[in-house]
Protein backbone atom coordinates (compact mmCIF):
# COMPACT_ATOMS: atom_id res chain seq x y z
CA MET A 1 14.13 -16.52 18.41
CA LYS A 2 16.15 -19.46 16.54
CA ASN A 3 13.49 -20.25 14.00
CA VAL A 4 13.23 -16.49 13.02
CA TYR A 5 16.94 -16.29 12.13
CA VAL A 6 17.18 -19.53 10.22
CA PHE A 7 14.10 -18.04 7.80
CA LEU A 8 15.78 -14.89 7.38
CA PHE A 9 19.20 -16.51 6.55
CA SER A 10 16.95 -18.56 3.71
CA PHE A 11 15.08 -15.60 2.80
CA GLY A 12 18.42 -14.27 1.40
CA PHE A 13 17.81 -10.77 2.94
CA PHE A 14 21.05 -11.24 5.63
CA THR A 15 23.40 -12.87 2.92
CA GLY A 16 26.72 -10.43 2.88
CA ALA A 17 25.54 -6.87 2.08
CA PHE A 18 22.16 -5.16 1.91
CA SER A 19 20.82 -5.35 -1.49
CA GLN A 20 18.47 -3.13 -3.59
CA GLN A 21 17.45 -5.87 -5.87
CA LEU A 22 14.65 -8.32 -4.93
CA THR A 23 15.70 -11.85 -6.23
CA LEU A 24 13.49 -14.25 -7.61
CA GLU A 25 13.95 -16.81 -4.66
CA GLN A 26 13.01 -13.67 -2.36
CA ALA A 27 10.32 -12.99 -4.60
CA ASN A 28 8.59 -16.39 -4.47
CA ARG A 29 8.84 -16.27 -0.69
CA LEU A 30 6.45 -13.07 -0.67
CA ALA A 31 4.75 -14.54 -2.98
CA ALA A 32 3.89 -17.36 -1.36
CA LEU A 33 2.07 -15.17 1.73
CA PRO A 34 -0.98 -13.46 -0.41
CA LEU A 35 -1.16 -16.69 -2.31
CA LYS A 36 -1.78 -18.51 1.34
CA CYS A 37 -4.41 -16.17 2.22
CA LEU A 38 -6.31 -15.00 -1.38
CA GLN A 39 -8.69 -17.61 -1.26
CA GLN A 40 -9.00 -18.27 2.64
CA GLU A 41 -12.05 -16.97 3.74
CA TYR A 42 -11.41 -17.26 7.54
CA PRO A 43 -10.52 -15.54 9.98
CA ASN A 44 -11.91 -12.53 8.57
CA LYS A 45 -13.18 -8.82 9.64
CA LEU A 46 -15.91 -7.63 8.06
CA GLY A 47 -16.68 -3.63 7.69
CA GLN A 48 -19.92 -4.24 7.13
CA LEU A 49 -22.98 -1.51 8.00
CA LEU A 50 -26.30 -3.78 8.44
CA GLN A 51 -29.32 -2.09 7.24
CA ASP A 52 -31.31 -5.30 8.07
CA SER A 53 -30.92 -8.75 8.76
CA THR A 54 -30.94 -9.67 4.89
CA GLU A 55 -27.60 -8.18 4.41
CA ILE A 56 -25.91 -10.58 6.68
CA ALA A 57 -23.95 -13.04 4.32
CA SER A 58 -20.50 -15.09 4.59
CA PRO A 59 -17.85 -13.03 3.44
CA LYS A 60 -17.11 -14.78 -0.13
CA LYS A 61 -21.18 -13.62 -0.89
CA LEU A 62 -20.68 -10.05 0.20
CA HIS A 63 -17.26 -10.01 -1.67
CA PRO A 64 -16.74 -12.26 -4.32
CA SER A 65 -13.38 -10.75 -5.58
CA PHE A 66 -11.91 -9.57 -2.10
CA TYR A 67 -13.05 -11.89 0.75
CA GLY A 68 -9.45 -13.78 1.61
CA CYS A 69 -6.48 -12.22 3.76
CA PHE A 70 -8.59 -10.93 6.72
CA ASP A 71 -10.27 -8.00 5.33
CA TRP A 72 -11.11 -6.50 2.19
CA HIS A 73 -8.16 -3.66 1.65
CA SER A 74 -5.38 -6.64 2.46
CA SER A 75 -7.00 -8.94 -0.34
CA VAL A 76 -6.89 -5.91 -2.59
CA HIS A 77 -3.20 -5.13 -1.96
CA GLY A 78 -2.70 -9.14 -1.73
CA HIS A 79 -3.56 -9.04 -5.45
CA TRP A 80 -1.48 -6.20 -6.47
CA SER A 81 1.41 -7.87 -4.86
CA LEU A 82 0.58 -11.53 -6.76
CA VAL A 83 0.06 -9.13 -10.33
CA TYR A 84 3.35 -7.06 -9.33
CA LEU A 85 5.40 -10.17 -8.77
CA VAL A 86 4.29 -12.01 -11.66
CA LYS A 87 5.00 -8.69 -14.11
CA GLN A 88 8.51 -8.40 -12.76
CA PHE A 89 9.47 -12.04 -12.47
CA PRO A 90 8.37 -14.11 -15.32
CA ASN A 91 9.63 -17.44 -14.04
CA LEU A 92 7.61 -16.98 -10.50
CA LYS A 93 6.92 -20.07 -8.79
CA ASN A 94 3.44 -21.22 -9.08
CA ARG A 95 2.96 -18.82 -11.62
CA SER A 96 -0.09 -20.71 -13.16
CA GLU A 97 -1.42 -20.93 -10.10
CA ILE A 98 -1.39 -17.80 -9.16
CA ILE A 99 -2.87 -16.42 -12.63
CA GLN A 100 -5.63 -19.11 -12.15
CA LYS A 101 -6.40 -17.43 -8.96
CA LEU A 102 -6.48 -13.78 -10.24
CA GLN A 103 -8.55 -14.54 -12.95
CA THR A 104 -11.44 -16.49 -10.68
CA ASN A 105 -11.34 -13.62 -8.00
CA LEU A 106 -10.90 -10.69 -10.77
CA SER A 107 -13.97 -12.39 -12.95
CA LYS A 108 -16.26 -9.88 -14.69
CA GLU A 109 -18.98 -11.31 -12.65
CA ASN A 110 -17.40 -10.78 -9.50
CA ILE A 111 -16.29 -7.28 -9.78
CA THR A 112 -20.12 -6.65 -10.71
CA GLN A 113 -20.83 -7.72 -7.64
CA GLU A 114 -18.21 -5.40 -5.67
CA VAL A 115 -19.38 -2.73 -7.74
CA ALA A 116 -23.02 -3.20 -6.85
CA TYR A 117 -21.59 -3.64 -3.18
CA LEU A 118 -19.83 0.05 -3.05
CA SER A 119 -23.04 1.27 -4.72
CA LYS A 120 -25.32 0.73 -1.87
CA LYS A 121 -25.90 4.34 -0.69
CA HIS A 122 -24.89 3.69 3.36
CA GLU A 123 -21.63 1.75 1.90
CA LYS A 124 -20.44 5.01 0.24
CA SER A 125 -17.62 5.23 2.87
CA PHE A 126 -16.81 1.66 2.67
CA GLU A 127 -12.79 1.14 2.86
CA ARG A 128 -12.73 5.07 2.23
CA LEU A 129 -9.92 6.23 1.61
CA TYR A 130 -7.39 3.08 2.40
CA GLY A 131 -8.99 0.32 0.04
CA TRP A 132 -10.13 2.46 -2.54
CA ALA A 133 -6.31 3.89 -3.16
CA TRP A 134 -4.92 0.04 -3.51
CA VAL A 135 -7.88 -0.53 -5.89
CA LEU A 136 -6.38 2.23 -8.09
CA LYS A 137 -3.07 0.91 -7.62
CA LEU A 138 -4.02 -2.59 -8.57
CA GLN A 139 -5.56 -1.14 -11.74
CA GLN A 140 -2.67 0.49 -12.40
CA GLU A 141 -0.44 -2.48 -12.33
CA LEU A 142 -2.82 -4.76 -14.53
CA THR A 143 -3.18 -1.92 -16.98
CA ASP A 144 0.54 -1.66 -17.35
CA PHE A 145 1.03 -5.45 -17.41
CA ASN A 146 1.09 -5.83 -21.28
CA ASP A 147 -0.07 -10.01 -20.81
CA PRO A 148 -3.52 -11.16 -22.32
CA PHE A 149 -4.44 -12.46 -18.69
CA ALA A 150 -3.47 -8.96 -17.38
CA GLN A 151 -4.96 -6.71 -20.08
CA ASP A 152 -8.43 -8.89 -19.20
CA LEU A 153 -8.82 -8.31 -15.65
CA ALA A 154 -7.76 -4.85 -16.19
CA ARG A 155 -10.79 -4.19 -18.13
CA ASN A 156 -12.92 -6.65 -15.66
CA LEU A 157 -11.67 -3.93 -12.83
CA GLN A 158 -11.91 -0.86 -14.42
CA PRO A 159 -16.01 -0.51 -13.59
CA LEU A 160 -14.68 -0.52 -9.43
CA SER A 161 -12.17 1.71 -10.53
CA ASP A 162 -14.25 4.17 -12.38
CA LEU A 163 -16.64 4.37 -9.31
CA LEU A 164 -14.01 4.91 -6.86
CA VAL A 165 -12.71 7.90 -8.90
CA GLU A 166 -15.87 9.03 -8.82
CA ARG A 167 -16.09 8.76 -4.87
CA TYR A 168 -12.49 10.64 -4.64
CA SER A 169 -14.33 13.47 -6.54
CA GLU A 170 -17.02 13.71 -4.46
CA PHE A 171 -15.31 13.44 -1.32
CA LEU A 172 -12.18 15.41 -1.09
CA PRO A 173 -14.35 18.47 -1.59
CA LYS A 174 -16.16 17.74 1.50
CA LEU A 175 -13.38 16.80 3.40
CA TYR A 176 -12.51 20.42 5.39
CA TYR A 177 -9.92 18.64 7.47
CA PRO A 178 -7.30 16.02 6.98
CA VAL A 179 -7.06 12.81 8.84
CA ARG A 180 -3.29 12.61 10.14
CA VAL A 181 -3.29 9.31 11.67
CA GLY A 182 -0.72 6.48 10.85
CA THR A 183 -3.65 4.06 10.11
CA HIS A 184 -6.38 2.96 7.40
CA THR A 185 -7.60 6.61 7.34
CA ASN A 186 -4.84 8.94 6.63
CA THR A 187 -5.72 11.11 3.97
CA ALA A 188 -2.52 11.65 2.49
CA PHE A 189 -1.79 7.88 1.63
CA GLY A 190 -5.32 7.87 0.11
CA MET A 191 -4.85 10.70 -2.25
CA THR A 192 -1.05 9.39 -2.95
CA LEU A 193 -2.00 6.34 -4.90
CA ALA A 194 -4.77 7.78 -6.39
CA TRP A 195 -2.57 10.70 -7.46
CA ASP A 196 -0.24 7.85 -9.14
CA TYR A 197 -3.45 6.55 -11.16
CA ALA A 198 -4.35 9.92 -12.28
CA VAL A 199 -1.04 10.36 -14.04
CA PHE A 200 -0.78 7.23 -15.17
CA SER A 201 -4.44 7.39 -16.83
CA LYS A 202 -4.04 10.71 -17.77
CA ASN A 203 -6.93 11.88 -15.98
CA GLU A 204 -6.43 15.24 -15.80
CA LYS A 205 -9.77 16.15 -13.91
CA PHE A 206 -8.76 13.98 -11.29
CA LYS A 207 -5.21 14.90 -11.23
CA ASP A 208 -6.61 18.91 -10.63
CA VAL A 209 -9.36 17.79 -7.96
CA LEU A 210 -6.80 16.11 -6.08
CA LYS A 211 -3.90 18.50 -6.50
CA GLU A 212 -6.42 21.41 -5.46
CA ASN A 213 -7.82 19.14 -2.09
CA ALA A 214 -4.03 18.68 -1.45
CA LEU A 215 -3.16 22.08 -1.51
CA ARG A 216 -5.65 23.20 0.73
CA MET A 217 -5.12 20.49 3.21
CA PHE A 218 -1.08 20.52 3.40
CA GLN A 219 0.05 23.63 1.96
CA ASN A 220 0.34 25.53 4.90
CA ASP A 221 1.38 22.48 7.43
CA VAL A 222 5.09 23.25 8.99
CA ASP A 223 7.34 21.49 11.60
CA CYS A 224 5.72 18.47 11.44
CA PRO A 225 6.42 16.43 14.80
CA PHE A 226 8.76 13.66 13.70
CA ALA A 227 9.36 13.05 17.33
CA TRP A 228 5.95 12.11 17.98
CA GLU A 229 5.88 9.23 15.99
CA PRO A 230 5.38 6.51 15.90
CA SER A 231 1.99 6.02 17.61
CA GLY A 232 1.20 2.79 19.36
CA THR A 233 -0.16 0.87 16.53
CA ASP A 234 1.10 3.01 13.18
CA PHE A 235 1.74 1.33 9.96
CA LEU A 236 2.13 4.54 8.16
CA SER A 237 4.02 7.82 9.11
CA PRO A 238 1.73 10.93 9.19
CA CYS A 239 4.48 13.06 8.31
CA MET A 240 5.85 10.91 5.56
CA GLU A 241 2.53 10.52 4.11
CA GLU A 242 2.26 14.24 3.66
CA ILE A 243 5.51 14.52 2.40
CA GLY A 244 4.74 12.07 -0.53
CA ILE A 245 1.37 13.61 -1.31
CA MET A 246 3.12 17.09 -1.65
CA GLN A 247 6.42 15.44 -3.31
CA ARG A 248 3.70 14.66 -6.28
CA VAL A 249 1.73 18.08 -6.68
CA LEU A 250 4.40 20.25 -6.28
CA SER A 251 6.63 21.17 -8.67
CA GLU A 252 10.65 20.74 -7.57
CA LYS A 253 11.23 24.22 -6.27
CA GLU A 254 8.05 24.46 -4.40
CA PHE A 255 8.23 21.12 -3.04
CA LEU A 256 11.74 21.80 -1.37
CA LYS A 257 10.88 25.31 -0.24
CA TRP A 258 7.96 24.09 1.11
CA SER A 259 9.35 20.82 3.04
CA ARG A 260 12.74 22.78 4.61
CA LYS A 261 9.55 24.31 6.56
CA PHE A 262 7.78 21.33 7.02
CA ALA A 263 10.76 18.88 7.50
CA LYS A 264 13.38 20.89 7.81
CA SER A 265 15.42 17.63 9.56
CA LEU A 266 15.20 15.69 6.53
CA PHE A 267 17.86 18.00 4.97
CA ASP A 268 20.51 16.77 7.44
CA LYS A 269 22.84 14.36 5.98
CA ASN A 270 23.12 13.10 9.26
CA PHE A 271 19.50 12.73 9.42
CA LYS A 272 18.53 9.62 11.44
CA TRP A 273 15.01 7.99 12.64
CA GLU A 274 14.85 5.36 15.20
CA THR A 275 13.05 2.08 14.03
CA ALA A 276 9.71 1.27 15.36
CA LYS A 277 10.02 -1.75 17.45
CA VAL A 278 7.22 -4.51 17.48
CA SER A 279 6.63 -6.43 21.14
CA ASP A 280 4.37 -9.03 19.70
CA ARG A 281 4.08 -9.99 16.48
CA THR A 282 0.90 -12.32 16.88
CA ASP A 283 -0.97 -8.93 18.14
CA GLY A 284 -2.61 -7.93 14.74
CA HIS A 285 -2.57 -4.00 16.02
CA LEU A 286 0.97 -4.40 17.58
CA VAL A 287 2.70 -6.23 13.96
CA HIS A 288 1.17 -2.84 12.54
CA LEU A 289 4.83 -0.90 13.23
CA ASP A 290 6.63 -3.54 10.73
CA GLY A 291 4.62 -2.06 8.46
CA LEU A 292 5.41 1.43 9.18
CA ASN A 293 9.26 0.49 8.82
CA PHE A 294 8.62 -0.54 5.25
CA SER A 295 6.34 2.72 4.57
CA ARG A 296 8.99 4.88 6.09
CA ALA A 297 11.24 3.00 3.93
CA TRP A 298 9.47 3.90 0.46
CA HIS A 299 8.78 7.24 1.41
CA PHE A 300 12.79 7.97 1.75
CA TYR A 301 13.58 5.68 -1.40
CA ALA A 302 10.95 7.99 -3.33
CA LEU A 303 12.89 11.44 -2.00
CA GLU A 304 16.44 9.40 -2.69
CA ASN A 305 15.14 8.91 -6.50
CA GLN A 306 13.88 12.50 -7.31
CA TYR A 307 16.18 14.91 -5.44
CA GLU A 308 19.86 14.45 -5.47
CA ARG A 309 19.96 16.49 -2.26
CA PHE A 310 17.95 13.51 -0.26
CA ALA A 311 20.53 10.75 -1.28
CA HIS A 312 21.32 10.39 2.27
CA LEU A 313 17.97 9.11 2.75
CA LYS A 314 18.98 5.89 0.93
CA ASN A 315 20.64 4.41 4.06
CA VAL A 316 17.82 5.18 6.32
CA GLY A 317 15.51 3.49 4.17
CA ASP A 318 17.74 0.68 4.16
CA ILE A 319 18.07 0.41 7.74
CA HIS A 320 13.88 0.63 8.07
CA LEU A 321 13.16 -2.35 5.15
CA LYS A 322 16.00 -4.42 7.11
CA GLU A 323 14.39 -4.00 10.38
CA SER A 324 11.10 -5.51 9.47
CA LEU A 325 12.03 -8.02 7.39
CA ASN A 326 11.49 -10.92 10.22
CA SER A 327 7.69 -9.91 9.97
CA LEU A 328 7.59 -11.81 7.37
CA VAL A 329 8.15 -14.91 9.04
CA ALA A 330 5.27 -17.94 8.14
CA GLY A 331 2.79 -18.98 11.20
CA ASN A 332 1.71 -15.58 11.99
CA TYR A 333 -1.36 -14.33 10.38
CA GLU A 334 -1.48 -11.11 11.89
CA GLY A 335 1.15 -10.45 10.00
CA GLU A 336 1.50 -12.76 6.92
CA HIS A 337 -1.85 -11.70 5.61
CA TRP A 338 -0.56 -8.34 4.67
CA LEU A 339 3.09 -7.23 5.28
CA ALA A 340 4.42 -8.81 2.13
CA SER A 341 2.63 -6.10 0.55
CA PHE A 342 4.18 -3.17 2.18
CA ALA A 343 7.72 -5.01 2.02
CA LEU A 344 6.83 -5.31 -2.12
CA ARG A 345 6.13 -1.69 -2.06
CA ALA A 346 9.15 -0.75 -0.59
CA PHE A 347 11.04 -2.58 -3.10
CA GLU A 348 9.37 -1.32 -5.82
CA GLN A 349 10.48 1.93 -4.48
CA GLN A 350 14.09 0.61 -4.27
CA LYS A 351 13.65 -0.57 -7.79
CA ALA A 352 13.12 3.03 -9.04
CA LEU A 353 16.61 4.11 -8.10
CA ARG A 354 18.38 1.59 -10.58
C-alpha cells in the first residue's frame, strides 16, 4: 500500500486541493500507459469467430492497427488517449515516439486490413457497439486536430469509420430492446460517442438514426434504480449512460422533464453516491469498477456543464474521479492497459467546464 501512495503523490493528484486541470506532468504519466501497450501484442484476448482453420493467426496479423493493449477496443481507445494528449500538450514527453507509433499503427495499409476483417459476413457484430463507438471517437479527435500527421491519419481511418456508421444505421433499427448493462454491450454508451461524432461530422442522416432509436428505446423509461448499481464488474453506469444519450438527443426542456421522471434524485442538491470499491486490482474483471468511477464522473461533469441546476454534481464527480486515480499505479496490466483512457475522458469533461 505504501508504494501506491508514493506513486499517487508523485502523480500530482493529491498535492493540495483537487484540481480540474490536467497538468503536463500528469499527462506524461497517463500517456506512458497506452504508449507502453500500443504495440505490445501479448497477452491478448481475441474476439474472433473462426469459420475454419485458415482464419487462425496472430493478433498483429489479424489486426495490424489494433493488436496491442490486450484487446481490440482497448487498443482503439489507447490510440485516442495518445492523440488527445499530443493535441492538448504540445510539449508532451515522448511526443515524437508517440506520433511515430500512431503513424505505424494507423497506416493506410493497416486500416485497409481492419476494414477487410470487419467486412467479413461472420464478423458483422465484432466489437458492436463498444469498439465501434471508440473508433468514431478516435476519428473525431484526429479530424479535429489541425496537424499534418493527424490529418493524414484521419484520412487513413475514415474508411473504417464510414463502415461503422453504416453498421450502426443497419443494426440499431433491428435492436428492439436496449442492452442495459454496465459493460461493453451497453447500448446507450455505444450511441453516445456515435452521436457526438454525428454532430461533429454534420451527418444529419446518422443523427436522425441515432435520435429515432434512442427515443424509441429510452424515452418511456422512469425511475432508474440507482440503488441497484453497481453490479460486480461494471465499468459503465446503466443509469448514467442512458442519461448521457438522452441529454444529447432531447432539447433542454424535454431533457429536464424526462430526467425528473428517470432520475429525480439527481436534482437533490445533497445527492451523494458511494464510489465503487475494488477488492483486487490484479483481477481483470474486478478492476472494471475503477472505470465505473471514471465514467460516472464524466457524466456528472457533462450535466454540470450543460445545466446550472446540476452544479452540485461537480463535487460528486470530483469524488469519483479522485477515488480511482490509484488504479493507475504501474505494474498491473489488468487495469493499466485501458484505465488511462477512462481517466482522460473524465478530465476531458472537466476541461469543458472551464
